[in-house]
Amino acid sequence: MIQIRVCKKFGFPILQVGGEMTPVTAMTLLQAIREVCKNKPKTLGLDLSDVTDYDSTSNYIVSSASQWMNGNLRILGMSKAVRRNFRRTA
């Protein structure tokens, strides 16, 4: 299960994500990103500190979000699971 909370800090929206990011739940993150992007923020933040499981589909969604935001996606925190996957794909 995935939990997503939207807050605003530093002058831009931040999606605080927790739980498992699997191919099925990653789609929930994609929908949340699309919803926030409707307001056309200049910057979008992702806090992945509480993510317990993270796979290549999740990595694809985060990468796509960065492209939608023209590189103005800020990752503000990463759990060990996220860091491990980022290292493998970097």
PDB file of N, CA and C in Angstrom:
ATOM      1  N   MET A   1       0.842  -1.177   0.000  1.00  0.00           N
ATOM      2  CA  MET A   1       0.000   0.000   0.000  1.00  0.00           C
ATOM      3  C   MET A   1       0.888   1.241   0.000  1.00  0.00           C
ATOM      4  N   ILE A   2       0.442   2.266  -0.671  1.00  0.00           N
ATOM      5  CA  ILE A   2       1.192   3.509  -0.776  1.00  0.00           C
ATOM      6  C   ILE A   2       0.384   4.644  -0.134  1.00  0.00           C
ATOM      7  N   GLN A   3       1.075   5.536   0.527  1.00  0.00           N
ATOM      8  CA  GLN A   3       0.445   6.715   1.103  1.00  0.00           C
ATOM      9  C   GLN A   3       1.110   7.934   0.469  1.00  0.00           C
ATOM     10  N   ILE A   4       0.276   8.886   0.049  1.00  0.00           N
ATOM     11  CA  ILE A   4       0.804  10.105  -0.559  1.00  0.00           C
ATOM     12  C   ILE A   4       0.111  11.297   0.089  1.00  0.00           C
ATOM     13  N   ARG A   5       0.924  12.208   0.559  1.00  0.00           N
ATOM     14  CA  ARG A   5       0.409  13.436   1.159  1.00  0.00           C
ATOM     15  C   ARG A   5       1.022  14.607   0.410  1.00  0.00           C
ATOM     16  N   VAL A   6       0.192  15.596   0.098  1.00  0.00           N
ATOM     17  CA  VAL A   6       0.680  16.781  -0.591  1.00  0.00           C
ATOM     18  C   VAL A   6       0.769  17.912   0.414  1.00  0.00           C
ATOM     19  N   CYS A   7       1.920  18.561   0.447  1.00  0.00           N
ATOM     20  CA  CYS A   7       2.084  19.737   1.299  1.00  0.00           C
ATOM     21  C   CYS A   7       2.848  20.779   0.500  1.00  0.00           C
ATOM     22  N   LYS A   8       2.938  21.954   1.039  1.00  0.00           N
ATOM     23  CA  LYS A   8       3.680  23.005   0.357  1.00  0.00           C
ATOM     24  C   LYS A   8       4.710  23.575   1.315  1.00  0.00           C
ATOM     25  N   LYS A   9       5.960  23.457   0.938  1.00  0.00           N
ATOM     26  CA  LYS A   9       7.079  24.006   1.696  1.00  0.00           C
ATOM     27  C   LYS A   9       8.037  24.610   0.687  1.00  0.00           C
ATOM     28  N   PHE A  10       8.855  25.510   1.127  1.00  0.00           N
ATOM     29  CA  PHE A  10       9.876  26.103   0.265  1.00  0.00           C
ATOM     30  C   PHE A  10       9.272  26.779  -0.975  1.00  0.00           C
ATOM     31  N   GLY A  11       7.960  27.060  -0.940  1.00  0.00           N
ATOM     32  CA  GLY A  11       7.323  27.743  -2.065  1.00  0.00           C
ATOM     33  C   GLY A  11       6.878  26.844  -3.204  1.00  0.00           C
ATOM     34  N   PHE A  12       6.936  25.524  -3.028  1.00  0.00           N
ATOM     35  CA  PHE A  12       6.472  24.617  -4.080  1.00  0.00           C
ATOM     36  C   PHE A  12       5.824  23.384  -3.457  1.00  0.00           C
ATOM     37  N   PRO A  13       4.969  22.686  -4.227  1.00  0.00           N
ATOM     38  CA  PRO A  13       4.309  21.492  -3.696  1.00  0.00           C
ATOM     39  C   PRO A  13       5.288  20.338  -3.527  1.00  0.00           C
ATOM     40  N   ILE A  14       5.057  19.576  -2.472  1.00  0.00           N
ATOM     41  CA  ILE A  14       5.882  18.404  -2.179  1.00  0.00           C
ATOM     42  C   ILE A  14       4.950  17.211  -1.974  1.00  0.00           C
ATOM     43  N   LEU A  15       5.257  16.129  -2.668  1.00  0.00           N
ATOM     44  CA  LEU A  15       4.528  14.887  -2.453  1.00  0.00           C
ATOM     45  C   LEU A  15       5.348  14.049  -1.480  1.00  0.00           C
ATOM     46  N   GLN A  16       4.772  13.792  -0.319  1.00  0.00           N
ATOM     47  CA  GLN A  16       5.428  12.939   0.676  1.00  0.00           C
ATOM     48  C   GLN A  16       4.878  11.536   0.484  1.00  0.00           C
ATOM     49  N   VAL A  17       5.758  10.619   0.111  1.00  0.00           N
ATOM     50  CA  VAL A  17       5.352   9.274  -0.277  1.00  0.00           C
ATOM     51  C   VAL A  17       5.860   8.266   0.747  1.00  0.00           C
ATOM     52  N   GLY A  18       4.986   7.330   1.117  1.00  0.00           N
ATOM     53  CA  GLY A  18       5.369   6.283   2.045  1.00  0.00           C
ATOM     54  C   GLY A  18       4.768   4.954   1.638  1.00  0.00           C
ATOM     55  N   GLY A  19       5.357   3.883   2.116  1.00  0.00           N
ATOM     56  CA  GLY A  19       4.852   2.544   1.831  1.00  0.00           C
ATOM     57  C   GLY A  19       5.541   1.916   0.637  1.00  0.00           C
ATOM     58  N   GLU A  20       4.884   0.931   0.059  1.00  0.00           N
ATOM     59  CA  GLU A  20       5.454   0.166  -1.048  1.00  0.00           C
ATOM     60  C   GLU A  20       5.141   0.809  -2.391  1.00  0.00           C
ATOM     61  N   MET A  21       6.165   1.023  -3.182  1.00  0.00           N
ATOM     62  CA  MET A  21       5.977   1.485  -4.554  1.00  0.00           C
ATOM     63  C   MET A  21       6.270   0.311  -5.474  1.00  0.00           C
ATOM     64  N   THR A  22       5.212  -0.346  -5.887  1.00  0.00           N
ATOM     65  CA  THR A  22       5.274  -1.480  -6.800  1.00  0.00           C
ATOM     66  C   THR A  22       4.675  -1.031  -8.127  1.00  0.00           C
ATOM     67  N   PRO A  23       4.706  -1.852  -9.168  1.00  0.00           N
ATOM     68  CA  PRO A  23       4.094  -1.425 -10.430  1.00  0.00           C
ATOM     69  C   PRO A  23       2.632  -0.985 -10.272  1.00  0.00           C
ATOM     70  N   VAL A  24       1.889  -1.628  -9.411  1.00  0.00           N
ATOM     71  CA  VAL A  24       0.487  -1.267  -9.222  1.00  0.00           C
ATOM     72  C   VAL A  24       0.346   0.046  -8.446  1.00  0.00           C
ATOM     73  N   THR A  25       1.058   0.178  -7.342  1.00  0.00           N
ATOM     74  CA  THR A  25       0.906   1.380  -6.523  1.00  0.00           C
ATOM     75  C   THR A  25       1.623   2.585  -7.118  1.00  0.00           C
ATOM     76  N   ALA A  26       2.615   2.343  -7.963  1.00  0.00           N
ATOM     77  CA  ALA A  26       3.318   3.461  -8.605  1.00  0.00           C
ATOM     78  C   ALA A  26       2.362   4.268  -9.479  1.00  0.00           C
ATOM     79  N   MET A  27       1.336   3.638  -9.995  1.00  0.00           N
ATOM     80  CA  MET A  27       0.344   4.356 -10.795  1.00  0.00           C
ATOM     81  C   MET A  27      -0.394   5.389  -9.941  1.00  0.00           C
ATOM     82  N   THR A  28      -0.565   5.106  -8.656  1.00  0.00           N
ATOM     83  CA  THR A  28      -1.172   6.067  -7.747  1.00  0.00           C
ATOM     84  C   THR A  28      -0.292   7.306  -7.634  1.00  0.00           C
ATOM     85  N   LEU A  29       1.016   7.108  -7.577  1.00  0.00           N
ATOM     86  CA  LEU A  29       1.944   8.235  -7.546  1.00  0.00           C
ATOM     87  C   LEU A  29       1.851   9.023  -8.847  1.00  0.00           C
ATOM     88  N   LEU A  30       1.784   8.328  -9.967  1.00  0.00           N
ATOM     89  CA  LEU A  30       1.657   8.997 -11.258  1.00  0.00           C
ATOM     90  C   LEU A  30       0.417   9.888 -11.293  1.00  0.00           C
ATOM     91  N   GLN A  31      -0.696   9.380 -10.799  1.00  0.00           N
ATOM     92  CA  GLN A  31      -1.933  10.167 -10.763  1.00  0.00           C
ATOM     93  C   GLN A  31      -1.782  11.383  -9.858  1.00  0.00           C
ATOM     94  N   ALA A  32      -1.130  11.214  -8.727  1.00  0.00           N
ATOM     95  CA  ALA A  32      -0.921  12.334  -7.796  1.00  0.00           C
ATOM     96  C   ALA A  32      -0.035  13.401  -8.431  1.00  0.00           C
ATOM     97  N   ILE A  33       1.011  12.974  -9.133  1.00  0.00           N
ATOM     98  CA  ILE A  33       1.900  13.925  -9.814  1.00  0.00           C
ATOM     99  C   ILE A  33       1.119  14.692 -10.877  1.00  0.00           C
ATOM    100  N   ARG A  34       0.338  13.979 -11.664  1.00  0.00           N
ATOM    101  CA  ARG A  34      -0.473  14.641 -12.708  1.00  0.00           C
ATOM    102  C   ARG A  34      -1.436  15.651 -12.094  1.00  0.00           C
ATOM    103  N   GLU A  35      -2.044  15.286 -10.985  1.00  0.00           N
ATOM    104  CA  GLU A  35      -2.994  16.185 -10.322  1.00  0.00           C
ATOM    105  C   GLU A  35      -2.304  17.465  -9.860  1.00  0.00           C
ATOM    106  N   VAL A  36      -1.147  17.323  -9.230  1.00  0.00           N
ATOM    107  CA  VAL A  36      -0.402  18.496  -8.756  1.00  0.00           C
ATOM    108  C   VAL A  36       0.081  19.335  -9.941  1.00  0.00           C
ATOM    109  N   CYS A  37       0.469  18.684 -11.025  1.00  0.00           N
ATOM    110  CA  CYS A  37       0.990  19.401 -12.197  1.00  0.00           C
ATOM    111  C   CYS A  37      -0.088  20.173 -12.950  1.00  0.00           C
ATOM    112  N   LYS A  38      -1.360  19.898 -12.673  1.00  0.00           N
ATOM    113  CA  LYS A  38      -2.439  20.675 -13.293  1.00  0.00           C
ATOM    114  C   LYS A  38      -2.324  22.153 -12.932  1.00  0.00           C
ATOM    115  N   ASN A  39      -1.773  22.437 -11.756  1.00  0.00           N
ATOM    116  CA  ASN A  39      -1.598  23.819 -11.308  1.00  0.00           C
ATOM    117  C   ASN A  39      -0.326  24.449 -11.857  1.00  0.00           C
ATOM    118  N   LYS A  40       0.418  23.708 -12.668  1.00  0.00           N
ATOM    119  CA  LYS A  40       1.645  24.161 -13.334  1.00  0.00           C
ATOM    120  C   LYS A  40       2.673  24.780 -12.383  1.00  0.00           C
ATOM    121  N   PRO A  41       3.082  24.018 -11.360  1.00  0.00           N
ATOM    122  CA  PRO A  41       4.123  24.552 -10.478  1.00  0.00           C
ATOM    123  C   PRO A  41       5.461  24.621 -11.222  1.00  0.00           C
ATOM    124  N   LYS A  42       6.278  25.571 -10.849  1.00  0.00           N
ATOM    125  CA  LYS A  42       7.603  25.684 -11.475  1.00  0.00           C
ATOM    126  C   LYS A  42       8.529  24.583 -10.976  1.00  0.00           C
ATOM    127  N   THR A  43       8.307  24.147  -9.735  1.00  0.00           N
ATOM    128  CA  THR A  43       9.117  23.102  -9.113  1.00  0.00           C
ATOM    129  C   THR A  43       8.192  22.136  -8.401  1.00  0.00           C
ATOM    130  N   LEU A  44       8.562  20.875  -8.374  1.00  0.00           N
ATOM    131  CA  LEU A  44       7.822  19.846  -7.650  1.00  0.00           C
ATOM    132  C   LEU A  44       8.813  19.076  -6.794  1.00  0.00           C
ATOM    133  N   GLY A  45       8.457  18.840  -5.545  1.00  0.00           N
ATOM    134  CA  GLY A  45       9.306  18.077  -4.649  1.00  0.00           C
ATOM    135  C   GLY A  45       8.744  16.690  -4.385  1.00  0.00           C
ATOM    136  N   LEU A  46       9.636  15.732  -4.231  1.00  0.00           N
ATOM    137  CA  LEU A  46       9.260  14.370  -3.842  1.00  0.00           C
ATOM    138  C   LEU A  46      10.056  14.006  -2.599  1.00  0.00           C
ATOM    139  N   ASP A  47       9.353  13.615  -1.562  1.00  0.00           N
ATOM    140  CA  ASP A  47      10.001  13.110  -0.357  1.00  0.00           C
ATOM    141  C   ASP A  47       9.727  11.617  -0.313  1.00  0.00           C
ATOM    142  N   LEU A  48      10.739  10.824  -0.589  1.00  0.00           N
ATOM    143  CA  LEU A  48      10.617   9.366  -0.650  1.00  0.00           C
ATOM    144  C   LEU A  48      11.226   8.701   0.578  1.00  0.00           C
ATOM    145  N   SER A  49      11.324   9.436   1.666  1.00  0.00           N
ATOM    146  CA  SER A  49      11.971   8.949   2.889  1.00  0.00           C
ATOM    147  C   SER A  49      11.272   7.744   3.509  1.00  0.00           C
ATOM    148  N   ASP A  50       9.963   7.644   3.338  1.00  0.00           N
ATOM    149  CA  ASP A  50       9.207   6.573   3.984  1.00  0.00           C
ATOM    150  C   ASP A  50       8.806   5.449   3.031  1.00  0.00           C
ATOM    151  N   VAL A  51       9.442   5.385   1.871  1.00  0.00           N
ATOM    152  CA  VAL A  51       9.149   4.322   0.909  1.00  0.00           C
ATOM    153  C   VAL A  51       9.875   3.050   1.336  1.00  0.00           C
ATOM    154  N   THR A  52       9.124   1.953   1.451  1.00  0.00           N
ATOM    155  CA  THR A  52       9.700   0.694   1.929  1.00  0.00           C
ATOM    156  C   THR A  52      10.102  -0.257   0.806  1.00  0.00           C
ATOM    157  N   ASP A  53       9.486  -0.111  -0.369  1.00  0.00           N
ATOM    158  CA  ASP A  53       9.796  -0.960  -1.511  1.00  0.00           C
ATOM    159  C   ASP A  53       9.757  -0.077  -2.749  1.00  0.00           C
ATOM    160  N   TYR A  54      10.744  -0.212  -3.608  1.00  0.00           N
ATOM    161  CA  TYR A  54      10.884   0.680  -4.761  1.00  0.00           C
ATOM    162  C   TYR A  54      11.472  -0.131  -5.907  1.00  0.00           C
ATOM    163  N   ASP A  55      10.826  -0.089  -7.073  1.00  0.00           N
ATOM    164  CA  ASP A  55      11.285  -0.906  -8.191  1.00  0.00           C
ATOM    165  C   ASP A  55      11.535  -0.058  -9.433  1.00  0.00           C
ATOM    166  N   SER A  56      11.834  -0.715 -10.541  1.00  0.00           N
ATOM    167  CA  SER A  56      12.167   0.000 -11.776  1.00  0.00           C
ATOM    168  C   SER A  56      10.980   0.777 -12.344  1.00  0.00           C
ATOM    169  N   THR A  57       9.756   0.299 -12.129  1.00  0.00           N
ATOM    170  CA  THR A  57       8.581   1.051 -12.569  1.00  0.00           C
ATOM    171  C   THR A  57       8.499   2.373 -11.828  1.00  0.00           C
ATOM    172  N   SER A  58       8.763   2.333 -10.543  1.00  0.00           N
ATOM    173  CA  SER A  58       8.761   3.550  -9.732  1.00  0.00           C
ATOM    174  C   SER A  58       9.834   4.506 -10.231  1.00  0.00           C
ATOM    175  N   ASN A  59      10.993   3.955 -10.556  1.00  0.00           N
ATOM    176  CA  ASN A  59      12.092   4.763 -11.080  1.00  0.00           C
ATOM    177  C   ASN A  59      11.680   5.441 -12.387  1.00  0.00           C
ATOM    178  N   TYR A  60      10.979   4.716 -13.231  1.00  0.00           N
ATOM    179  CA  TYR A  60      10.499   5.269 -14.498  1.00  0.00           C
ATOM    180  C   TYR A  60       9.534   6.426 -14.258  1.00  0.00           C
ATOM    181  N   ILE A  61       8.642   6.281 -13.305  1.00  0.00           N
ATOM    182  CA  ILE A  61       7.669   7.339 -13.018  1.00  0.00           C
ATOM    183  C   ILE A  61       8.368   8.584 -12.486  1.00  0.00           C
ATOM    184  N   VAL A  62       9.328   8.406 -11.593  1.00  0.00           N
ATOM    185  CA  VAL A  62      10.077   9.552 -11.063  1.00  0.00           C
ATOM    186  C   VAL A  62      10.868  10.227 -12.193  1.00  0.00           C
ATOM    187  N   SER A  63      11.473   9.445 -13.050  1.00  0.00           N
ATOM    188  CA  SER A  63      12.217   9.990 -14.184  1.00  0.00           C
ATOM    189  C   SER A  63      11.288  10.748 -15.131  1.00  0.00           C
ATOM    190  N   SER A  64      10.125  10.192 -15.400  1.00  0.00           N
ATOM    191  CA  SER A  64       9.144  10.856 -16.263  1.00  0.00           C
ATOM    192  C   SER A  64       8.682  12.173 -15.646  1.00  0.00           C
ATOM    193  N   ALA A  65       8.465  12.171 -14.346  1.00  0.00           N
ATOM    194  CA  ALA A  65       8.044  13.395 -13.663  1.00  0.00           C
ATOM    195  C   ALA A  65       9.104  14.476 -13.801  1.00  0.00           C
ATOM    196  N   SER A  66      10.356  14.086 -13.739  1.00  0.00           N
ATOM    197  CA  SER A  66      11.444  15.047 -13.908  1.00  0.00           C
ATOM    198  C   SER A  66      11.402  15.665 -15.307  1.00  0.00           C
ATOM    199  N   GLN A  67      11.105  14.844 -16.302  1.00  0.00           N
ATOM    200  CA  GLN A  67      10.995  15.359 -17.668  1.00  0.00           C
ATOM    201  C   GLN A  67       9.805  16.302 -17.809  1.00  0.00           C
ATOM    202  N   TRP A  68       8.659  15.940 -17.211  1.00  0.00           N
ATOM    203  CA  TRP A  68       7.478  16.811 -17.274  1.00  0.00           C
ATOM    204  C   TRP A  68       7.763  18.163 -16.636  1.00  0.00           C
ATOM    205  N   MET A  69       8.586  18.123 -15.593  1.00  0.00           N
ATOM    206  CA  MET A  69       8.903  19.354 -14.861  1.00  0.00           C
ATOM    207  C   MET A  69      10.134  20.053 -15.447  1.00  0.00           C
ATOM    208  N   ASN A  70      10.562  19.649 -16.615  1.00  0.00           N
ATOM    209  CA  ASN A  70      11.743  20.237 -17.268  1.00  0.00           C
ATOM    210  C   ASN A  70      12.953  20.265 -16.343  1.00  0.00           C
ATOM    211  N   GLY A  71      13.119  19.190 -15.603  1.00  0.00           N
ATOM    212  CA  GLY A  71      14.271  19.088 -14.699  1.00  0.00           C
ATOM    213  C   GLY A  71      14.076  19.775 -13.363  1.00  0.00           C
ATOM    214  N   ASN A  72      12.908  20.323 -13.119  1.00  0.00           N
ATOM    215  CA  ASN A  72      12.651  21.032 -11.858  1.00  0.00           C
ATOM    216  C   ASN A  72      11.956  20.147 -10.826  1.00  0.00           C
ATOM    217  N   LEU A  73      12.338  18.887 -10.797  1.00  0.00           N
ATOM    218  CA  LEU A  73      11.863  17.950  -9.784  1.00  0.00           C
ATOM    219  C   LEU A  73      12.953  17.830  -8.736  1.00  0.00           C
ATOM    220  N   ARG A  74      12.594  18.024  -7.492  1.00  0.00           N
ATOM    221  CA  ARG A  74      13.559  17.941  -6.394  1.00  0.00           C
ATOM    222  C   ARG A  74      13.231  16.743  -5.524  1.00  0.00           C
ATOM    223  N   ILE A  75      14.175  15.842  -5.365  1.00  0.00           N
ATOM    224  CA  ILE A  75      13.997  14.727  -4.449  1.00  0.00           C
ATOM    225  C   ILE A  75      14.573  15.175  -3.121  1.00  0.00           C
ATOM    226  N   LEU A  76      13.709  15.268  -2.133  1.00  0.00           N
ATOM    227  CA  LEU A  76      14.082  15.856  -0.850  1.00  0.00           C
ATOM    228  C   LEU A  76      14.473  14.819   0.190  1.00  0.00           C
ATOM    229  N   GLY A  77      14.227  13.570  -0.074  1.00  0.00           N
ATOM    230  CA  GLY A  77      14.593  12.512   0.853  1.00  0.00           C
ATOM    231  C   GLY A  77      14.407  11.159   0.198  1.00  0.00           C
ATOM    232  N   MET A  78      15.267  10.202   0.572  1.00  0.00           N
ATOM    233  CA  MET A  78      15.192   8.847   0.015  1.00  0.00           C
ATOM    234  C   MET A  78      15.392   7.826   1.121  1.00  0.00           C
ATOM    235  N   SER A  79      14.587   6.800   1.086  1.00  0.00           N
ATOM    236  CA  SER A  79      14.793   5.673   2.005  1.00  0.00           C
ATOM    237  C   SER A  79      15.924   4.808   1.468  1.00  0.00           C
ATOM    238  N   LYS A  80      16.329   3.814   2.247  1.00  0.00           N
ATOM    239  CA  LYS A  80      17.372   2.886   1.797  1.00  0.00           C
ATOM    240  C   LYS A  80      16.937   2.141   0.537  1.00  0.00           C
ATOM    241  N   ALA A  81      15.657   1.751   0.478  1.00  0.00           N
ATOM    242  CA  ALA A  81      15.154   1.016  -0.691  1.00  0.00           C
ATOM    243  C   ALA A  81      15.261   1.866  -1.955  1.00  0.00           C
ATOM    244  N   VAL A  82      14.961   3.139  -1.842  1.00  0.00           N
ATOM    245  CA  VAL A  82      15.041   4.035  -2.999  1.00  0.00           C
ATOM    246  C   VAL A  82      16.499   4.236  -3.392  1.00  0.00           C
ATOM    247  N   ARG A  83      17.360   4.497  -2.411  1.00  0.00           N
ATOM    248  CA  ARG A  83      18.781   4.713  -2.689  1.00  0.00           C
ATOM    249  C   ARG A  83      19.404   3.509  -3.395  1.00  0.00           C
ATOM    250  N   ARG A  84      19.053   2.315  -2.925  1.00  0.00           N
ATOM    251  CA  ARG A  84      19.576   1.084  -3.527  1.00  0.00           C
ATOM    252  C   ARG A  84      19.206   1.010  -5.011  1.00  0.00           C
ATOM    253  N   ASN A  85      17.947   1.309  -5.327  1.00  0.00           N
ATOM    254  CA  ASN A  85      17.494   1.225  -6.704  1.00  0.00           C
ATOM    255  C   ASN A  85      18.105   2.334  -7.552  1.00  0.00           C
ATOM    256  N   PHE A  86      18.259   3.522  -7.011  1.00  0.00           N
ATOM    257  CA  PHE A  86      18.878   4.613  -7.748  1.00  0.00           C
ATOM    258  C   PHE A  86      20.325   4.259  -8.102  1.00  0.00           C
ATOM    259  N   ARG A  87      21.050   3.641  -7.182  1.00  0.00           N
ATOM    260  CA  ARG A  87      22.442   3.267  -7.444  1.00  0.00           C
ATOM    261  C   ARG A  87      22.542   2.248  -8.570  1.00  0.00           C
ATOM    262  N   ARG A  88      21.599   1.324  -8.617  1.00  0.00           N
ATOM    263  CA  ARG A  88      21.622   0.287  -9.647  1.00  0.00           C
ATOM    264  C   ARG A  88      21.351   0.851 -11.028  1.00  0.00           C
ATOM    265  N   THR A  89      20.547   1.925 -11.104  1.00  0.00           N
ATOM    266  CA  THR A  89      20.162   2.444 -12.413  1.00  0.00           C
ATOM    267  C   THR A  89      20.955   3.680 -12.818  1.00  0.00           C
ATOM    268  N   ALA A  90      21.781   4.192 -11.928  1.00  0.00           N
ATOM    269  CA  ALA A  90      22.531   5.416 -12.252  1.00  0.00           C
ATOM    270  C   ALA A  90      23.683   5.130 -13.180  1.00  0.00           C
TER     271      ALA A  90
END
